[in-house]
Amino acid sequence: MIQRIQSVYLLLAGLVLLWLGLTPGPWHLLGTAPHAWIGPVARGLSVLLALGAVVIIFQYRRLERQRTLVVFEQVGVLLMAVVYLGGLYLSGMLGVRSERGILWDRLLWIGLPVLAYLLLWLARRGIERDIALIRSMDRLR
């Protein structure tokens, strides 16, 4: 289960999403959003997607199903990123430059959904490689 690289990628994606959902850092930026629902929805989606990524690890015996679940997870991360970044845009906090320079903490909070999506893409690529390896081994028998 953990010896496969996609399990590591899924675990890392879950940790990134959990970090995004449970830390108070990015959510104070959404406090001034004109729509109050954006912050809690994005935070809840982040925590649910983190739990989903960890659950997908345990589907290692069914690779086709695991790949399908990772694709759904990627769509969920895209949805969460759109809600989160849209909330930042509506609150006027999407910019990462100020008169003092680059706001590195804001850049980190904006980059976490992108990192989670990238880790899920790497996990899906590893799953597809395993599926191709199993198919090639079946052809050799």
Protein backbone atom coordinates (compact mmCIF):
# COMPACT_ATOMS: atom_id res chain seq x y z
CA MET A 1 0.00 0.00 0.00
CA ILE A 2 2.55 2.65 1.08
CA GLN A 3 5.38 1.16 -0.98
CA ARG A 4 3.80 2.49 -4.16
CA ILE A 5 4.69 6.04 -5.13
CA GLN A 6 1.09 7.04 -5.83
CA SER A 7 0.21 6.30 -2.21
CA VAL A 8 2.87 8.79 -1.13
CA TYR A 9 1.53 11.37 -3.58
CA LEU A 10 -2.03 10.84 -2.33
CA LEU A 11 -0.91 11.17 1.28
CA LEU A 12 1.00 14.37 0.51
CA ALA A 13 -2.01 15.79 -1.36
CA GLY A 14 -4.20 14.96 1.63
CA LEU A 15 -1.78 16.68 3.98
CA VAL A 16 -1.60 19.79 1.78
CA LEU A 17 -5.39 19.98 1.59
CA LEU A 18 -5.73 19.40 5.32
CA TRP A 19 -3.15 22.10 5.99
CA LEU A 20 -5.09 24.47 3.77
CA GLY A 21 -8.39 23.61 5.44
CA LEU A 22 -7.39 23.60 9.10
CA THR A 23 -4.94 26.48 9.40
CA PRO A 24 -6.42 29.92 10.00
CA GLY A 25 -3.90 31.58 7.67
CA PRO A 26 -5.77 31.86 4.37
CA TRP A 27 -9.24 32.20 5.81
CA HIS A 28 -8.69 35.59 7.42
CA LEU A 29 -8.20 36.89 3.89
CA LEU A 30 -11.75 35.85 3.03
CA GLY A 31 -13.23 37.62 6.04
CA THR A 32 -13.90 40.74 4.00
CA ALA A 33 -15.54 38.87 1.12
CA PRO A 34 -18.91 40.27 0.10
CA HIS A 35 -20.34 36.76 0.19
CA ALA A 36 -19.97 35.20 3.62
CA TRP A 37 -20.51 31.63 2.40
CA ILE A 38 -17.28 31.45 0.40
CA GLY A 39 -14.89 30.90 3.32
CA PRO A 40 -16.75 28.06 5.06
CA VAL A 41 -17.56 26.29 1.78
CA ALA A 42 -13.96 26.39 0.56
CA ARG A 43 -12.68 25.30 3.98
CA GLY A 44 -15.17 22.42 4.18
CA LEU A 45 -14.34 21.29 0.65
CA SER A 46 -10.65 21.34 1.49
CA VAL A 47 -11.10 19.13 4.57
CA LEU A 48 -13.44 16.72 2.73
CA LEU A 49 -11.02 16.44 -0.18
CA ALA A 50 -8.16 15.77 2.25
CA LEU A 51 -10.10 12.91 3.80
CA GLY A 52 -11.00 11.65 0.33
CA ALA A 53 -7.35 11.56 -0.71
CA VAL A 54 -6.47 9.43 2.31
CA VAL A 55 -9.40 7.07 1.67
CA ILE A 56 -8.30 6.62 -1.96
CA ILE A 57 -4.99 5.19 -0.73
CA PHE A 58 -6.83 2.14 0.60
CA GLN A 59 -8.34 1.35 -2.81
CA TYR A 60 -4.98 -0.04 -3.97
CA ARG A 61 -6.40 -3.47 -4.84
CA ARG A 62 -8.76 -1.97 -7.42
CA LEU A 63 -6.60 0.20 -9.64
CA GLU A 64 -9.34 1.17 -12.09
CA ARG A 65 -11.55 2.37 -9.26
CA GLN A 66 -8.62 4.16 -7.62
CA ARG A 67 -7.88 6.00 -10.86
CA THR A 68 -11.53 7.03 -11.19
CA LEU A 69 -11.60 8.30 -7.62
CA VAL A 70 -8.41 10.29 -8.18
CA VAL A 71 -10.00 11.93 -11.24
CA PHE A 72 -13.03 12.88 -9.11
CA GLU A 73 -10.64 14.17 -6.45
CA GLN A 74 -8.90 16.33 -9.06
CA VAL A 75 -12.23 17.78 -10.17
CA GLY A 76 -13.06 18.48 -6.52
CA VAL A 77 -9.74 20.27 -6.00
CA LEU A 78 -10.41 22.37 -9.09
CA LEU A 79 -13.86 23.26 -7.73
CA MET A 80 -12.39 24.12 -4.33
CA ALA A 81 -9.67 26.23 -5.97
CA VAL A 82 -12.25 28.13 -8.03
CA VAL A 83 -14.34 28.87 -4.93
CA TYR A 84 -11.28 29.80 -2.87
CA LEU A 85 -9.57 31.94 -5.51
CA GLY A 86 -12.91 33.48 -6.50
CA GLY A 87 -13.44 34.47 -2.89
CA LEU A 88 -9.99 36.00 -2.76
CA TYR A 89 -10.73 37.90 -5.95
CA LEU A 90 -14.07 39.19 -4.66
CA SER A 91 -12.48 40.33 -1.41
CA GLY A 92 -9.65 42.04 -3.27
CA MET A 93 -6.97 39.87 -1.67
CA LEU A 94 -5.83 37.94 -4.73
CA GLY A 95 -2.84 40.17 -5.44
CA VAL A 96 0.57 39.07 -4.18
CA ARG A 97 2.44 42.33 -4.75
CA SER A 98 2.43 45.37 -2.55
CA GLU A 99 4.49 48.49 -2.29
CA ARG A 100 6.87 46.61 0.03
CA GLY A 101 7.39 43.72 -2.39
CA ILE A 102 5.99 40.23 -2.80
CA LEU A 103 3.64 38.94 -0.11
CA TRP A 104 5.10 35.45 0.30
CA ASP A 105 2.51 34.20 2.77
CA ARG A 106 -0.34 35.09 0.42
CA LEU A 107 1.53 33.47 -2.47
CA LEU A 108 1.86 30.29 -0.37
CA TRP A 109 -1.88 30.17 0.38
CA ILE A 110 -2.71 30.73 -3.29
CA GLY A 111 -0.24 28.03 -4.38
CA LEU A 112 -1.48 25.26 -2.07
CA PRO A 113 -4.48 24.22 -4.23
CA VAL A 114 -2.16 24.14 -7.25
CA LEU A 115 0.29 21.93 -5.33
CA ALA A 116 -2.51 19.59 -4.27
CA TYR A 117 -3.71 19.27 -7.86
CA LEU A 118 -0.16 18.57 -9.04
CA LEU A 119 0.27 15.83 -6.43
CA LEU A 120 -3.02 14.24 -7.47
CA TRP A 121 -1.92 14.35 -11.11
CA LEU A 122 1.31 12.56 -10.17
CA ALA A 123 -0.69 9.95 -8.24
CA ARG A 124 -2.95 9.35 -11.24
CA ARG A 125 0.09 8.99 -13.48
CA GLY A 126 1.53 6.37 -11.10
CA ILE A 127 -1.76 4.48 -11.05
CA GLU A 128 -1.91 4.49 -14.84
CA ARG A 129 1.63 3.13 -14.98
CA ASP A 130 0.64 0.29 -12.64
CA ILE A 131 -2.37 -0.49 -14.80
CA ALA A 132 -0.17 -0.57 -17.91
CA LEU A 133 2.34 -2.80 -16.14
CA ILE A 134 -0.35 -5.27 -15.09
CA ARG A 135 -1.76 -5.35 -18.62
CA SER A 136 1.68 -6.01 -20.09
CA MET A 137 2.29 -8.80 -17.59
CA ASP A 138 -1.07 -10.35 -18.49
CA ARG A 139 -0.03 -10.32 -22.16
CA LEU A 140 3.17 -12.17 -21.33
CA ARG A 141 1.40 -15.02 -19.58
